[in-house]
Amino acid sequence: MHDSLDEIERYIISKVKEIREQRGISQTSLSLAIGKSTSYISDIEAHSKTAKYNIKSLNLISKALGCSPKDFWPEQPILDDKYEFVKEIEIKRKRNVADL
């Protein structure tokens, strides 16, 4: 996958490819199954291209592969160094009336 893609994008592309290959489905077959051009999946999986999936396509791919869209996502966030400015927001929980 192209170096300009974020790590999360590369992860998802790799997971789709892994599941696709486990099921013995070609790039062309998957592309056609979701109503895309024959080169759609191969363009995304190519190391020289910057193509990537959108949420709608991932949903359709999960249907075609017989899995959940969640299967493409990591358990924890994956952040490139350029996102180190992102801070976790502390969430204050509302007190339950029973706790009073």
Foldseek 3Di string as FASTA:
>chain_A
DEPVDWPQQVQLLVQLVVLCVVVPHDQQRLCVQLPHHSCLNVQSNDHVHPDTDDPVSLCSSCVVSVHHSCSSGDPDDDGDPVPPVDDDDDDDDDDDPVVD
